[in-house]
PDB file of N, CA and C in Angstrom:
ATOM      1  N   MET A   1      -2.675 122.643-142.320  1.00  0.00           N
ATOM      2  CA  MET A   1      -3.397 123.398-143.317  1.00  0.00           C
ATOM      3  C   MET A   1      -2.970 122.993-144.729  1.00  0.00           C
ATOM      4  N   GLU A   2      -1.689 122.639-144.887  1.00  0.00           N
ATOM      5  CA  GLU A   2      -1.218 122.231-146.203  1.00  0.00           C
ATOM      6  C   GLU A   2      -1.937 120.982-146.685  1.00  0.00           C
ATOM      7  N   ASN A   3      -2.174 120.050-145.770  1.00  0.00           N
ATOM      8  CA  ASN A   3      -2.896 118.828-146.151  1.00  0.00           C
ATOM      9  C   ASN A   3      -4.304 119.146-146.612  1.00  0.00           C
ATOM     10  N   LEU A   4      -4.979 120.048-145.899  1.00  0.00           N
ATOM     11  CA  LEU A   4      -6.327 120.438-146.288  1.00  0.00           C
ATOM     12  C   LEU A   4      -6.300 121.118-147.651  1.00  0.00           C
ATOM     13  N   TYR A   5      -5.322 121.979-147.877  1.00  0.00           N
ATOM     14  CA  TYR A   5      -5.212 122.667-149.171  1.00  0.00           C
ATOM     15  C   TYR A   5      -5.007 121.660-150.296  1.00  0.00           C
ATOM     16  N   LYS A   6      -4.095 120.704-150.073  1.00  0.00           N
ATOM     17  CA  LYS A   6      -3.811 119.707-151.107  1.00  0.00           C
ATOM     18  C   LYS A   6      -5.008 118.794-151.363  1.00  0.00           C
ATOM     19  N   LYS A   7      -5.777 118.541-150.324  1.00  0.00           N
ATOM     20  CA  LYS A   7      -6.946 117.663-150.454  1.00  0.00           C
ATOM     21  C   LYS A   7      -8.085 118.376-151.177  1.00  0.00           C
ATOM     22  N   SER A   8      -8.359 119.632-150.786  1.00  0.00           N
ATOM     23  CA  SER A   8      -9.471 120.359-151.390  1.00  0.00           C
ATOM     24  C   SER A   8      -9.277 121.863-151.221  1.00  0.00           C
ATOM     25  N   GLU A   9      -9.056 122.542-152.336  1.00  0.00           N
ATOM     26  CA  GLU A   9      -8.885 123.999-152.287  1.00  0.00           C
ATOM     27  C   GLU A   9     -10.165 124.691-151.818  1.00  0.00           C
ATOM     28  N   ILE A  10     -11.288 124.135-152.181  1.00  0.00           N
ATOM     29  CA  ILE A  10     -12.575 124.739-151.794  1.00  0.00           C
ATOM     30  C   ILE A  10     -12.743 124.692-150.280  1.00  0.00           C
ATOM     31  N   TRP A  11     -12.507 123.533-149.666  1.00  0.00           N
ATOM     32  CA  TRP A  11     -12.663 123.416-148.216  1.00  0.00           C
ATOM     33  C   TRP A  11     -11.617 124.260-147.487  1.00  0.00           C
ATOM     34  N   PHE A  12     -10.441 124.355-148.063  1.00  0.00           N
ATOM     35  CA  PHE A  12      -9.403 125.209-147.501  1.00  0.00           C
ATOM     36  C   PHE A  12      -9.890 126.664-147.468  1.00  0.00           C
ATOM     37  N   ALA A  13     -10.454 127.114-148.572  1.00  0.00           N
ATOM     38  CA  ALA A  13     -10.971 128.479-148.648  1.00  0.00           C
ATOM     39  C   ALA A  13     -12.116 128.688-147.659  1.00  0.00           C
ATOM     40  N   ILE A  14     -12.990 127.707-147.537  1.00  0.00           N
ATOM     41  CA  ILE A  14     -14.119 127.820-146.608  1.00  0.00           C
ATOM     42  C   ILE A  14     -13.620 127.912-145.167  1.00  0.00           C
ATOM     43  N   VAL A  15     -12.623 127.102-144.814  1.00  0.00           N
ATOM     44  CA  VAL A  15     -12.055 127.154-143.458  1.00  0.00           C
ATOM     45  C   VAL A  15     -11.436 128.523-143.200  1.00  0.00           C
ATOM     46  N   LEU A  16     -10.706 129.054-144.173  1.00  0.00           N
ATOM     47  CA  LEU A  16     -10.111 130.384-144.002  1.00  0.00           C
ATOM     48  C   LEU A  16     -11.183 131.466-143.842  1.00  0.00           C
ATOM     49  N   ILE A  17     -12.249 131.358-144.597  1.00  0.00           N
ATOM     50  CA  ILE A  17     -13.349 132.324-144.478  1.00  0.00           C
ATOM     51  C   ILE A  17     -13.975 132.250-143.091  1.00  0.00           C
ATOM     52  N   ILE A  18     -14.171 131.048-142.583  1.00  0.00           N
ATOM     53  CA  ILE A  18     -14.747 130.878-141.243  1.00  0.00           C
ATOM     54  C   ILE A  18     -13.806 131.452-140.181  1.00  0.00           C
ATOM     55  N   ILE A  19     -12.509 131.139-140.290  1.00  0.00           N
ATOM     56  CA  ILE A  19     -11.533 131.681-139.329  1.00  0.00           C
ATOM     57  C   ILE A  19     -11.542 133.203-139.373  1.00  0.00           C
ATOM     58  N   TYR A  20     -11.548 133.750-140.588  1.00  0.00           N
ATOM     59  CA  TYR A  20     -11.550 135.205-140.737  1.00  0.00           C
ATOM     60  C   TYR A  20     -12.817 135.823-140.136  1.00  0.00           C
ATOM     61  N   THR A  21     -13.966 135.251-140.442  1.00  0.00           N
ATOM     62  CA  THR A  21     -15.235 135.807-139.964  1.00  0.00           C
ATOM     63  C   THR A  21     -15.325 135.768-138.443  1.00  0.00           C
ATOM     64  N   ILE A  22     -14.994 134.628-137.856  1.00  0.00           N
ATOM     65  CA  ILE A  22     -15.054 134.506-136.395  1.00  0.00           C
ATOM     66  C   ILE A  22     -13.996 135.399-135.747  1.00  0.00           C
ATOM     67  N   GLY A  23     -12.780 135.360-136.280  1.00  0.00           N
ATOM     68  CA  GLY A  23     -11.713 136.201-135.727  1.00  0.00           C
ATOM     69  C   GLY A  23     -12.027 137.672-135.831  1.00  0.00           C
ATOM     70  N   HIS A  24     -12.589 138.077-136.955  1.00  0.00           N
ATOM     71  CA  HIS A  24     -12.944 139.480-137.159  1.00  0.00           C
ATOM     72  C   HIS A  24     -14.035 139.896-136.177  1.00  0.00           C
ATOM     73  N   SER A  25     -15.025 139.060-135.965  1.00  0.00           N
ATOM     74  CA  SER A  25     -16.110 139.372-135.025  1.00  0.00           C
ATOM     75  C   SER A  25     -15.592 139.495-133.598  1.00  0.00           C
ATOM     76  N   ILE A  26     -14.754 138.556-133.202  1.00  0.00           N
ATOM     77  CA  ILE A  26     -14.216 138.572-131.834  1.00  0.00           C
ATOM     78  C   ILE A  26     -13.329 139.800-131.617  1.00  0.00           C
ATOM     79  N   THR A  27     -12.420 140.056-132.566  1.00  0.00           N
ATOM     80  CA  THR A  27     -11.508 141.188-132.385  1.00  0.00           C
ATOM     81  C   THR A  27     -12.229 142.524-132.506  1.00  0.00           C
ATOM     82  N   ASP A  28     -13.290 142.564-133.285  1.00  0.00           N
ATOM     83  CA  ASP A  28     -14.092 143.787-133.379  1.00  0.00           C
ATOM     84  C   ASP A  28     -14.717 144.111-132.024  1.00  0.00           C
ATOM     85  N   GLN A  29     -15.253 143.103-131.364  1.00  0.00           N
ATOM     86  CA  GLN A  29     -15.856 143.311-130.044  1.00  0.00           C
ATOM     87  C   GLN A  29     -14.797 143.683-129.006  1.00  0.00           C
ATOM     88  N   LEU A  30     -13.637 143.031-129.072  1.00  0.00           N
ATOM     89  CA  LEU A  30     -12.547 143.377-128.146  1.00  0.00           C
ATOM     90  C   LEU A  30     -12.099 144.821-128.336  1.00  0.00           C
ATOM     91  N   SER A  31     -12.036 145.269-129.575  1.00  0.00           N
ATOM     92  CA  SER A  31     -11.656 146.647-129.855  1.00  0.00           C
ATOM     93  C   SER A  31     -12.647 147.628-129.234  1.00  0.00           C
ATOM     94  N   ILE A  32     -13.921 147.309-129.362  1.00  0.00           N
ATOM     95  CA  ILE A  32     -14.957 148.159-128.773  1.00  0.00           C
ATOM     96  C   ILE A  32     -14.832 148.156-127.253  1.00  0.00           C
ATOM     97  N   ASP A  33     -14.577 146.980-126.676  1.00  0.00           N
ATOM     98  CA  ASP A  33     -14.462 146.859-125.223  1.00  0.00           C
ATOM     99  C   ASP A  33     -13.315 147.681-124.645  1.00  0.00           C
ATOM    100  N   ILE A  34     -12.196 147.771-125.375  1.00  0.00           N
ATOM    101  CA  ILE A  34     -11.069 148.536-124.850  1.00  0.00           C
ATOM    102  C   ILE A  34     -11.175 150.017-125.198  1.00  0.00           C
ATOM    103  N   GLY A  35     -12.135 150.366-126.028  1.00  0.00           N
ATOM    104  CA  GLY A  35     -12.371 151.770-126.332  1.00  0.00           C
ATOM    105  C   GLY A  35     -11.656 152.292-127.569  1.00  0.00           C
ATOM    106  N   TYR A  36     -11.014 151.436-128.315  1.00  0.00           N
ATOM    107  CA  TYR A  36     -10.347 151.828-129.555  1.00  0.00           C
ATOM    108  C   TYR A  36     -10.920 150.998-130.693  1.00  0.00           C
ATOM    109  N   GLU A  37     -11.988 151.529-131.302  1.00  0.00           N
ATOM    110  CA  GLU A  37     -12.661 150.763-132.352  1.00  0.00           C
ATOM    111  C   GLU A  37     -11.703 150.398-133.475  1.00  0.00           C
ATOM    112  N   LYS A  38     -11.767 149.166-133.898  1.00  0.00           N
ATOM    113  CA  LYS A  38     -11.030 148.591-135.021  1.00  0.00           C
ATOM    114  C   LYS A  38      -9.531 148.417-134.782  1.00  0.00           C
ATOM    115  N   LEU A  39      -9.003 148.764-133.617  1.00  0.00           N
ATOM    116  CA  LEU A  39      -7.565 148.619-133.378  1.00  0.00           C
ATOM    117  C   LEU A  39      -7.144 147.147-133.379  1.00  0.00           C
ATOM    118  N   ILE A  40      -7.755 146.345-132.544  1.00  0.00           N
ATOM    119  CA  ILE A  40      -7.408 144.927-132.479  1.00  0.00           C
ATOM    120  C   ILE A  40      -7.842 144.224-133.773  1.00  0.00           C
ATOM    121  N   THR A  41      -8.933 144.689-134.362  1.00  0.00           N
ATOM    122  CA  THR A  41      -9.395 144.139-135.628  1.00  0.00           C
ATOM    123  C   THR A  41      -8.343 144.354-136.710  1.00  0.00           C
ATOM    124  N   PHE A  42      -7.777 145.551-136.746  1.00  0.00           N
ATOM    125  CA  PHE A  42      -6.721 145.849-137.721  1.00  0.00           C
ATOM    126  C   PHE A  42      -5.515 144.928-137.521  1.00  0.00           C
ATOM    127  N   ILE A  43      -5.113 144.743-136.277  1.00  0.00           N
ATOM    128  CA  ILE A  43      -3.970 143.887-135.974  1.00  0.00           C
ATOM    129  C   ILE A  43      -4.254 142.451-136.427  1.00  0.00           C
ATOM    130  N   PHE A  44      -5.459 141.952-136.123  1.00  0.00           N
ATOM    131  CA  PHE A  44      -5.847 140.605-136.554  1.00  0.00           C
ATOM    132  C   PHE A  44      -5.816 140.492-138.070  1.00  0.00           C
ATOM    133  N   ASP A  45      -6.422 141.458-138.760  1.00  0.00           N
ATOM    134  CA  ASP A  45      -6.464 141.420-140.221  1.00  0.00           C
ATOM    135  C   ASP A  45      -5.056 141.458-140.817  1.00  0.00           C
ATOM    136  N   PHE A  46      -4.191 142.282-140.247  1.00  0.00           N
ATOM    137  CA  PHE A  46      -2.820 142.405-140.732  1.00  0.00           C
ATOM    138  C   PHE A  46      -2.073 141.077-140.570  1.00  0.00           C
ATOM    139  N   ILE A  47      -2.157 140.485-139.402  1.00  0.00           N
ATOM    140  CA  ILE A  47      -1.480 139.213-139.138  1.00  0.00           C
ATOM    141  C   ILE A  47      -2.063 138.100-140.010  1.00  0.00           C
ATOM    142  N   PHE A  48      -3.378 138.064-140.156  1.00  0.00           N
ATOM    143  CA  PHE A  48      -4.035 137.056-140.988  1.00  0.00           C
ATOM    144  C   PHE A  48      -3.553 137.163-142.436  1.00  0.00           C
ATOM    145  N   THR A  49      -3.449 138.382-142.939  1.00  0.00           N
ATOM    146  CA  THR A  49      -2.971 138.607-144.303  1.00  0.00           C
ATOM    147  C   THR A  49      -1.527 138.146-144.461  1.00  0.00           C
ATOM    148  N   ILE A  50      -0.679 138.461-143.491  1.00  0.00           N
ATOM    149  CA  ILE A  50       0.722 138.034-143.529  1.00  0.00           C
ATOM    150  C   ILE A  50       0.810 136.506-143.548  1.00  0.00           C
ATOM    151  N   ILE A  51       0.007 135.860-142.727  1.00  0.00           N
ATOM    152  CA  ILE A  51       0.010 134.392-142.681  1.00  0.00           C
ATOM    153  C   ILE A  51      -0.391 133.803-144.038  1.00  0.00           C
ATOM    154  N   ILE A  52      -1.417 134.374-144.669  1.00  0.00           N
ATOM    155  CA  ILE A  52      -1.861 133.872-145.973  1.00  0.00           C
ATOM    156  C   ILE A  52      -0.775 134.082-147.025  1.00  0.00           C
ATOM    157  N   PHE A  53      -0.157 135.263-147.038  1.00  0.00           N
ATOM    158  CA  PHE A  53       0.915 135.515-148.005  1.00  0.00           C
ATOM    159  C   PHE A  53       2.100 134.582-147.775  1.00  0.00           C
ATOM    160  N   CYS A  54       2.435 134.329-146.526  1.00  0.00           N
ATOM    161  CA  CYS A  54       3.524 133.391-146.225  1.00  0.00           C
ATOM    162  C   CYS A  54       3.181 131.987-146.718  1.00  0.00           C
ATOM    163  N   PHE A  55       1.945 131.563-146.521  1.00  0.00           N
ATOM    164  CA  PHE A  55       1.502 130.255-147.007  1.00  0.00           C
ATOM    165  C   PHE A  55       1.626 130.180-148.528  1.00  0.00           C
ATOM    166  N   ILE A  56       1.198 131.226-149.201  1.00  0.00           N
ATOM    167  CA  ILE A  56       1.260 131.265-150.661  1.00  0.00           C
ATOM    168  C   ILE A  56       2.703 131.186-151.144  1.00  0.00           C
ATOM    169  N   ARG A  57       3.583 131.961-150.518  1.00  0.00           N
ATOM    170  CA  ARG A  57       4.997 131.950-150.934  1.00  0.00           C
ATOM    171  C   ARG A  57       5.665 130.613-150.606  1.00  0.00           C
ATOM    172  N   LYS A  58       5.386 130.069-149.421  1.00  0.00           N
ATOM    173  CA  LYS A  58       6.004 128.815-148.999  1.00  0.00           C
ATOM    174  C   LYS A  58       5.647 127.677-149.954  1.00  0.00           C
ATOM    175  N   ASN A  59       4.434 127.705-150.454  1.00  0.00           N
ATOM    176  CA  ASN A  59       3.946 126.640-151.331  1.00  0.00           C
ATOM    177  C   ASN A  59       4.032 126.993-152.820  1.00  0.00           C
ATOM    178  N   ASN A  60       4.771 128.054-153.131  1.00  0.00           N
ATOM    179  CA  ASN A  60       4.983 128.479-154.523  1.00  0.00           C
ATOM    180  C   ASN A  60       3.671 128.631-155.301  1.00  0.00           C
ATOM    181  N   LEU A  61       2.731 129.336-154.714  1.00  0.00           N
ATOM    182  CA  LEU A  61       1.417 129.510-155.339  1.00  0.00           C
ATOM    183  C   LEU A  61       1.208 130.923-155.894  1.00  0.00           C
ATOM    184  N   SER A  62       2.257 131.744-155.889  1.00  0.00           N
ATOM    185  CA  SER A  62       2.119 133.133-156.349  1.00  0.00           C
ATOM    186  C   SER A  62       1.629 133.211-157.789  1.00  0.00           C
ATOM    187  N   ASN A  63       2.245 132.456-158.663  1.00  0.00           N
ATOM    188  CA  ASN A  63       1.812 132.470-160.068  1.00  0.00           C
ATOM    189  C   ASN A  63       0.411 131.905-160.232  1.00  0.00           C
ATOM    190  N   TYR A  64       0.102 130.862-159.489  1.00  0.00           N
ATOM    191  CA  TYR A  64      -1.209 130.219-159.576  1.00  0.00           C
ATOM    192  C   TYR A  64      -2.334 131.202-159.244  1.00  0.00           C
ATOM    193  N   TYR A  65      -2.101 132.062-158.255  1.00  0.00           N
ATOM    194  CA  TYR A  65      -3.119 133.026-157.841  1.00  0.00           C
ATOM    195  C   TYR A  65      -2.925 134.404-158.464  1.00  0.00           C
ATOM    196  N   GLY A  66      -1.957 134.528-159.376  1.00  0.00           N
ATOM    197  CA  GLY A  66      -1.760 135.787-160.088  1.00  0.00           C
ATOM    198  C   GLY A  66      -1.075 136.860-159.263  1.00  0.00           C
ATOM    199  N   LEU A  67      -0.339 136.464-158.249  1.00  0.00           N
ATOM    200  CA  LEU A  67       0.369 137.428-157.406  1.00  0.00           C
ATOM    201  C   LEU A  67       1.834 137.496-157.840  1.00  0.00           C
ATOM    202  N   CYS A  68       2.031 137.875-159.086  1.00  0.00           N
ATOM    203  CA  CYS A  68       3.384 137.903-159.635  1.00  0.00           C
ATOM    204  C   CYS A  68       3.513 139.109-160.564  1.00  0.00           C
ATOM    205  N   LYS A  69       4.748 139.407-160.919  1.00  0.00           N
ATOM    206  CA  LYS A  69       5.005 140.510-161.833  1.00  0.00           C
ATOM    207  C   LYS A  69       4.546 140.128-163.233  1.00  0.00           C
ATOM    208  N   THR A  70       4.126 141.134-163.951  1.00  0.00           N
ATOM    209  CA  THR A  70       3.754 140.908-165.338  1.00  0.00           C
ATOM    210  C   THR A  70       5.005 140.951-166.206  1.00  0.00           C
ATOM    211  N   LYS A  71       4.956 140.292-167.326  1.00  0.00           N
ATOM    212  CA  LYS A  71       6.091 140.300-168.240  1.00  0.00           C
ATOM    213  C   LYS A  71       6.025 141.493-169.190  1.00  0.00           C
ATOM    214  N   GLN A  72       4.884 142.165-169.210  1.00  0.00           N
ATOM    215  CA  GLN A  72       4.700 143.331-170.059  1.00  0.00           C
ATOM    216  C   GLN A  72       5.155 144.594-169.332  1.00  0.00           C
ATOM    217  N   LYS A  73       5.589 145.583-170.101  1.00  0.00           N
ATOM    218  CA  LYS A  73       5.917 146.878-169.527  1.00  0.00           C
ATOM    219  C   LYS A  73       4.616 147.599-169.191  1.00  0.00           C
ATOM    220  N   ALA A  74       4.677 148.472-168.203  1.00  0.00           N
ATOM    221  CA  ALA A  74       3.486 149.213-167.799  1.00  0.00           C
ATOM    222  C   ALA A  74       2.933 150.058-168.938  1.00  0.00           C
ATOM    223  N   SER A  75       3.803 150.543-169.805  1.00  0.00           N
ATOM    224  CA  SER A  75       3.349 151.375-170.921  1.00  0.00           C
ATOM    225  C   SER A  75       2.457 150.599-171.897  1.00  0.00           C
ATOM    226  N   LYS A  76       2.573 149.300-171.921  1.00  0.00           N
ATOM    227  CA  LYS A  76       1.735 148.476-172.797  1.00  0.00           C
ATOM    228  C   LYS A  76       0.283 148.439-172.331  1.00  0.00           C
ATOM    229  N   PHE A  77       0.046 148.782-171.059  1.00  0.00           N
ATOM    230  CA  PHE A  77      -1.309 148.746-170.504  1.00  0.00           C
ATOM    231  C   PHE A  77      -2.051 150.062-170.683  1.00  0.00           C
ATOM    232  N   TYR A  78      -1.371 151.069-171.214  1.00  0.00           N
ATOM    233  CA  TYR A  78      -1.975 152.378-171.399  1.00  0.00           C
ATOM    234  C   TYR A  78      -3.017 152.296-172.501  1.00  0.00           C
ATOM    235  N   ILE A  79      -4.194 152.822-172.210  1.00  0.00           N
ATOM    236  CA  ILE A  79      -5.264 152.842-173.202  1.00  0.00           C
ATOM    237  C   ILE A  79      -5.518 154.292-173.562  1.00  0.00           C
ATOM    238  N   SER A  80      -5.352 154.598-174.807  1.00  0.00           N
ATOM    239  CA  SER A  80      -5.536 155.971-175.283  1.00  0.00           C
ATOM    240  C   SER A  80      -7.013 156.322-175.297  1.00  0.00           C
ATOM    241  N   SER A  81      -7.317 157.562-174.931  1.00  0.00           N
ATOM    242  CA  SER A  81      -8.720 158.007-174.943  1.00  0.00           C
ATOM    243  C   SER A  81      -9.096 158.588-176.293  1.00  0.00           C
ATOM    244  N   HIS A  82      -8.178 158.605-177.276  1.00  0.00           N
ATOM    245  CA  HIS A  82      -8.462 159.172-178.591  1.00  0.00           C
ATOM    246  C   HIS A  82      -8.927 158.135-179.545  1.00  0.00           C
TER     247      HIS A  82
END
């Protein structure tokens, strides 16, 4: 996956979208089949999210995608209604 990401971020994103869509559809049906709607779907989504976050951290992409702490204090973001 790293090679695909380095070669083309767009194709990497498209592959992830396809994996997510197919995986979500399959696990949604499995959840219905076992009688607990969205249970297996939730597990798939959770694991998929963990894998993506691990990929981002492993490749030092947190800042690139804006998944980092801000340098400003939270009080600086307050907008007065007056």
